[in-house]
Amino acid sequence: MRKTPVVFALAALMLAATWTHGIGEEHHIKAPLTAHGGSGVGGFVQLTQLPHGGANITVVATGLSPGETYTSFYYDSADCTEPAEELASFVADQDGDGQVHGKIDDDIDEVGSISVRLGPGYGPLQACAQVH
């Protein structure tokens, strides 16, 4: 009969751990890049939550113009509208593919969308991936 208090104590600890770490937390998200304005740009983005905060983002884009510079941004909004935080710039290879990887301070539940924009700055939107 002495096992009952131990079982209740363990159950309480498990419940507390679930409460503080959240139920159903996302640790990895993969979302498709959708072309904007007939750009033909596609691909996908991947976000991975880091254990002590922040996230890694990988953008894999296709349908780009070979040799052109593109920049990816991440947003609070779900539709790649400002305010934007720059992830990084990259140059499309000879096949029109490009990718970029970076670490951000935000957790993945704070990222609403990720874009691919033409140019080394905040150029025209080419594709957007809705994350949340």
C-alpha atoms as a PDB file:
ATOM      1  CA  MET A   1       0.000   0.000   0.000  1.00  0.00           C
ATOM      2  CA  ARG A   2       2.968   2.353   0.368  1.00  0.00           C
ATOM      3  CA  LYS A   3       3.378   2.395  -3.425  1.00  0.00           C
ATOM      4  CA  THR A   4       0.293   4.573  -3.916  1.00  0.00           C
ATOM      5  CA  PRO A   5       1.914   7.837  -2.689  1.00  0.00           C
ATOM      6  CA  VAL A   6       4.960   7.132  -4.868  1.00  0.00           C
ATOM      7  CA  VAL A   7       2.759   6.560  -7.945  1.00  0.00           C
ATOM      8  CA  PHE A   8       0.885   9.807  -7.287  1.00  0.00           C
ATOM      9  CA  ALA A   9       4.151  11.699  -6.807  1.00  0.00           C
ATOM     10  CA  LEU A  10       5.529  10.350 -10.099  1.00  0.00           C
ATOM     11  CA  ALA A  11       2.298  11.222 -11.901  1.00  0.00           C
ATOM     12  CA  ALA A  12       2.443  14.753 -10.495  1.00  0.00           C
ATOM     13  CA  LEU A  13       6.053  15.150 -11.655  1.00  0.00           C
ATOM     14  CA  MET A  14       5.167  13.920 -15.147  1.00  0.00           C
ATOM     15  CA  LEU A  15       2.240  16.323 -15.328  1.00  0.00           C
ATOM     16  CA  ALA A  16       4.441  19.218 -14.188  1.00  0.00           C
ATOM     17  CA  ALA A  17       7.073  18.356 -16.786  1.00  0.00           C
ATOM     18  CA  THR A  18       4.429  18.256 -19.514  1.00  0.00           C
ATOM     19  CA  TRP A  19       3.021  21.595 -18.356  1.00  0.00           C
ATOM     20  CA  THR A  20       6.365  23.421 -18.351  1.00  0.00           C
ATOM     21  CA  HIS A  21       7.552  21.997 -21.678  1.00  0.00           C
ATOM     22  CA  GLY A  22       4.211  22.261 -23.428  1.00  0.00           C
ATOM     23  CA  ILE A  23       2.059  19.639 -24.980  1.00  0.00           C
ATOM     24  CA  GLY A  24       2.603  19.125 -28.685  1.00  0.00           C
ATOM     25  CA  GLU A  25       5.524  21.520 -29.074  1.00  0.00           C
ATOM     26  CA  GLU A  26       6.823  21.589 -32.608  1.00  0.00           C
ATOM     27  CA  HIS A  27      10.477  20.745 -33.050  1.00  0.00           C
ATOM     28  CA  HIS A  28      10.619  20.506 -36.826  1.00  0.00           C
ATOM     29  CA  ILE A  29       8.551  22.100 -39.602  1.00  0.00           C
ATOM     30  CA  LYS A  30       8.803  21.624 -43.354  1.00  0.00           C
ATOM     31  CA  ALA A  31       6.712  23.938 -45.543  1.00  0.00           C
ATOM     32  CA  PRO A  32       6.524  24.411 -49.320  1.00  0.00           C
ATOM     33  CA  LEU A  33       7.624  27.627 -51.013  1.00  0.00           C
ATOM     34  CA  THR A  34       4.776  28.943 -53.178  1.00  0.00           C
ATOM     35  CA  ALA A  35       5.590  31.056 -56.238  1.00  0.00           C
ATOM     36  CA  HIS A  36       4.476  34.676 -56.143  1.00  0.00           C
ATOM     37  CA  GLY A  37       3.445  36.756 -59.144  1.00  0.00           C
ATOM     38  CA  GLY A  38       4.209  34.060 -61.707  1.00  0.00           C
ATOM     39  CA  SER A  39       7.881  33.868 -60.695  1.00  0.00           C
ATOM     40  CA  GLY A  40       8.023  30.087 -61.048  1.00  0.00           C
ATOM     41  CA  VAL A  41      10.090  29.853 -57.850  1.00  0.00           C
ATOM     42  CA  GLY A  42       9.348  26.848 -55.664  1.00  0.00           C
ATOM     43  CA  GLY A  43      11.061  24.581 -53.171  1.00  0.00           C
ATOM     44  CA  PHE A  44      10.665  24.289 -49.430  1.00  0.00           C
ATOM     45  CA  VAL A  45      11.827  25.576 -46.051  1.00  0.00           C
ATOM     46  CA  GLN A  46      12.732  23.611 -42.950  1.00  0.00           C
ATOM     47  CA  LEU A  47      12.827  24.926 -39.396  1.00  0.00           C
ATOM     48  CA  THR A  48      14.325  23.053 -36.467  1.00  0.00           C
ATOM     49  CA  GLN A  49      13.839  24.218 -32.893  1.00  0.00           C
ATOM     50  CA  LEU A  50      17.081  24.397 -30.907  1.00  0.00           C
ATOM     51  CA  PRO A  51      16.998  22.983 -27.350  1.00  0.00           C
ATOM     52  CA  HIS A  52      18.068  26.212 -25.611  1.00  0.00           C
ATOM     53  CA  GLY A  53      16.064  28.635 -27.757  1.00  0.00           C
ATOM     54  CA  GLY A  54      16.309  29.866 -31.302  1.00  0.00           C
ATOM     55  CA  ALA A  55      15.994  27.855 -34.472  1.00  0.00           C
ATOM     56  CA  ASN A  56      17.843  26.729 -37.557  1.00  0.00           C
ATOM     57  CA  ILE A  57      16.260  27.588 -40.909  1.00  0.00           C
ATOM     58  CA  THR A  58      17.094  26.005 -44.250  1.00  0.00           C
ATOM     59  CA  VAL A  59      15.663  27.370 -47.502  1.00  0.00           C
ATOM     60  CA  VAL A  60      15.866  25.229 -50.656  1.00  0.00           C
ATOM     61  CA  ALA A  61      14.667  27.161 -53.720  1.00  0.00           C
ATOM     62  CA  THR A  62      14.162  26.010 -57.312  1.00  0.00           C
ATOM     63  CA  GLY A  63      13.155  27.805 -60.489  1.00  0.00           C
ATOM     64  CA  LEU A  64      15.584  30.673 -59.904  1.00  0.00           C
ATOM     65  CA  SER A  65      17.496  32.592 -62.579  1.00  0.00           C
ATOM     66  CA  PRO A  66      21.041  31.148 -62.740  1.00  0.00           C
ATOM     67  CA  GLY A  67      23.695  33.497 -61.369  1.00  0.00           C
ATOM     68  CA  GLU A  68      21.155  35.880 -59.767  1.00  0.00           C
ATOM     69  CA  THR A  69      21.371  36.895 -56.119  1.00  0.00           C
ATOM     70  CA  TYR A  70      18.408  36.206 -53.848  1.00  0.00           C
ATOM     71  CA  THR A  71      17.748  36.919 -50.186  1.00  0.00           C
ATOM     72  CA  SER A  72      15.566  35.018 -47.734  1.00  0.00           C
ATOM     73  CA  PHE A  73      13.716  36.732 -44.914  1.00  0.00           C
ATOM     74  CA  TYR A  74      11.555  35.439 -42.064  1.00  0.00           C
ATOM     75  CA  TYR A  75       8.439  37.157 -40.719  1.00  0.00           C
ATOM     76  CA  ASP A  76       5.985  37.159 -37.836  1.00  0.00           C
ATOM     77  CA  SER A  77       3.183  37.374 -40.420  1.00  0.00           C
ATOM     78  CA  ALA A  78       1.923  34.318 -42.315  1.00  0.00           C
ATOM     79  CA  ASP A  79       2.076  36.047 -45.723  1.00  0.00           C
ATOM     80  CA  CYS A  80       5.670  37.348 -46.041  1.00  0.00           C
ATOM     81  CA  THR A  81       4.717  40.944 -45.249  1.00  0.00           C
ATOM     82  CA  GLU A  82       6.817  43.278 -43.141  1.00  0.00           C
ATOM     83  CA  PRO A  83       8.339  43.511 -40.635  1.00  0.00           C
ATOM     84  CA  ALA A  84      11.054  41.208 -41.939  1.00  0.00           C
ATOM     85  CA  GLU A  85      14.283  39.840 -40.523  1.00  0.00           C
ATOM     86  CA  GLU A  86      17.001  38.935 -43.018  1.00  0.00           C
ATOM     87  CA  LEU A  87      18.174  35.334 -42.938  1.00  0.00           C
ATOM     88  CA  ALA A  88      20.882  35.441 -45.649  1.00  0.00           C
ATOM     89  CA  SER A  89      21.602  36.021 -49.340  1.00  0.00           C
ATOM     90  CA  PHE A  90      22.594  33.358 -51.862  1.00  0.00           C
ATOM     91  CA  VAL A  91      23.330  32.988 -55.579  1.00  0.00           C
ATOM     92  CA  ALA A  92      21.396  30.565 -57.782  1.00  0.00           C
ATOM     93  CA  ASP A  93      23.526  27.860 -59.390  1.00  0.00           C
ATOM     94  CA  GLN A  94      23.600  27.039 -63.114  1.00  0.00           C
ATOM     95  CA  ASP A  95      20.503  24.834 -62.738  1.00  0.00           C
ATOM     96  CA  GLY A  96      18.484  27.632 -61.117  1.00  0.00           C
ATOM     97  CA  ASP A  97      18.673  26.106 -57.649  1.00  0.00           C
ATOM     98  CA  GLY A  98      19.848  27.731 -54.455  1.00  0.00           C
ATOM     99  CA  GLN A  99      19.845  27.199 -50.763  1.00  0.00           C
ATOM    100  CA  VAL A 100      20.700  29.026 -47.617  1.00  0.00           C
ATOM    101  CA  HIS A 101      20.953  28.013 -43.995  1.00  0.00           C
ATOM    102  CA  GLY A 102      21.009  30.171 -40.896  1.00  0.00           C
ATOM    103  CA  LYS A 103      20.423  30.294 -37.165  1.00  0.00           C
ATOM    104  CA  ILE A 104      17.917  32.761 -35.723  1.00  0.00           C
ATOM    105  CA  ASP A 105      17.212  33.863 -32.162  1.00  0.00           C
ATOM    106  CA  ASP A 106      13.439  33.350 -32.503  1.00  0.00           C
ATOM    107  CA  ASP A 107      11.762  30.037 -31.694  1.00  0.00           C
ATOM    108  CA  ILE A 108       9.914  28.309 -34.535  1.00  0.00           C
ATOM    109  CA  ASP A 109       6.506  29.127 -33.053  1.00  0.00           C
ATOM    110  CA  GLU A 110       7.338  32.816 -33.586  1.00  0.00           C
ATOM    111  CA  VAL A 111       7.995  32.444 -37.337  1.00  0.00           C
ATOM    112  CA  GLY A 112       4.918  32.953 -39.503  1.00  0.00           C
ATOM    113  CA  SER A 113       6.489  32.761 -42.955  1.00  0.00           C
ATOM    114  CA  ILE A 114       9.753  32.708 -44.901  1.00  0.00           C
ATOM    115  CA  SER A 115      10.422  34.321 -48.282  1.00  0.00           C
ATOM    116  CA  VAL A 116      12.752  34.282 -51.240  1.00  0.00           C
ATOM    117  CA  ARG A 117      13.236  37.779 -52.679  1.00  0.00           C
ATOM    118  CA  LEU A 118      15.162  38.908 -55.750  1.00  0.00           C
ATOM    119  CA  GLY A 119      18.358  40.819 -55.125  1.00  0.00           C
ATOM    120  CA  PRO A 120      20.784  41.271 -52.283  1.00  0.00           C
ATOM    121  CA  GLY A 121      18.224  43.280 -50.289  1.00  0.00           C
ATOM    122  CA  TYR A 122      14.483  43.478 -49.789  1.00  0.00           C
ATOM    123  CA  GLY A 123      13.652  43.054 -53.479  1.00  0.00           C
ATOM    124  CA  PRO A 124      10.523  41.768 -55.185  1.00  0.00           C
ATOM    125  CA  LEU A 125       8.896  38.734 -53.565  1.00  0.00           C
ATOM    126  CA  GLN A 126       9.546  35.547 -55.569  1.00  0.00           C
ATOM    127  CA  ALA A 127       8.119  32.893 -53.231  1.00  0.00           C
ATOM    128  CA  CYS A 128       6.644  32.561 -49.755  1.00  0.00           C
ATOM    129  CA  ALA A 129       6.342  29.609 -47.373  1.00  0.00           C
ATOM    130  CA  GLN A 130       3.595  29.841 -44.754  1.00  0.00           C
ATOM    131  CA  VAL A 131       4.902  28.306 -41.544  1.00  0.00           C
ATOM    132  CA  HIS A 132       2.146  29.255 -39.075  1.00  0.00           C
END
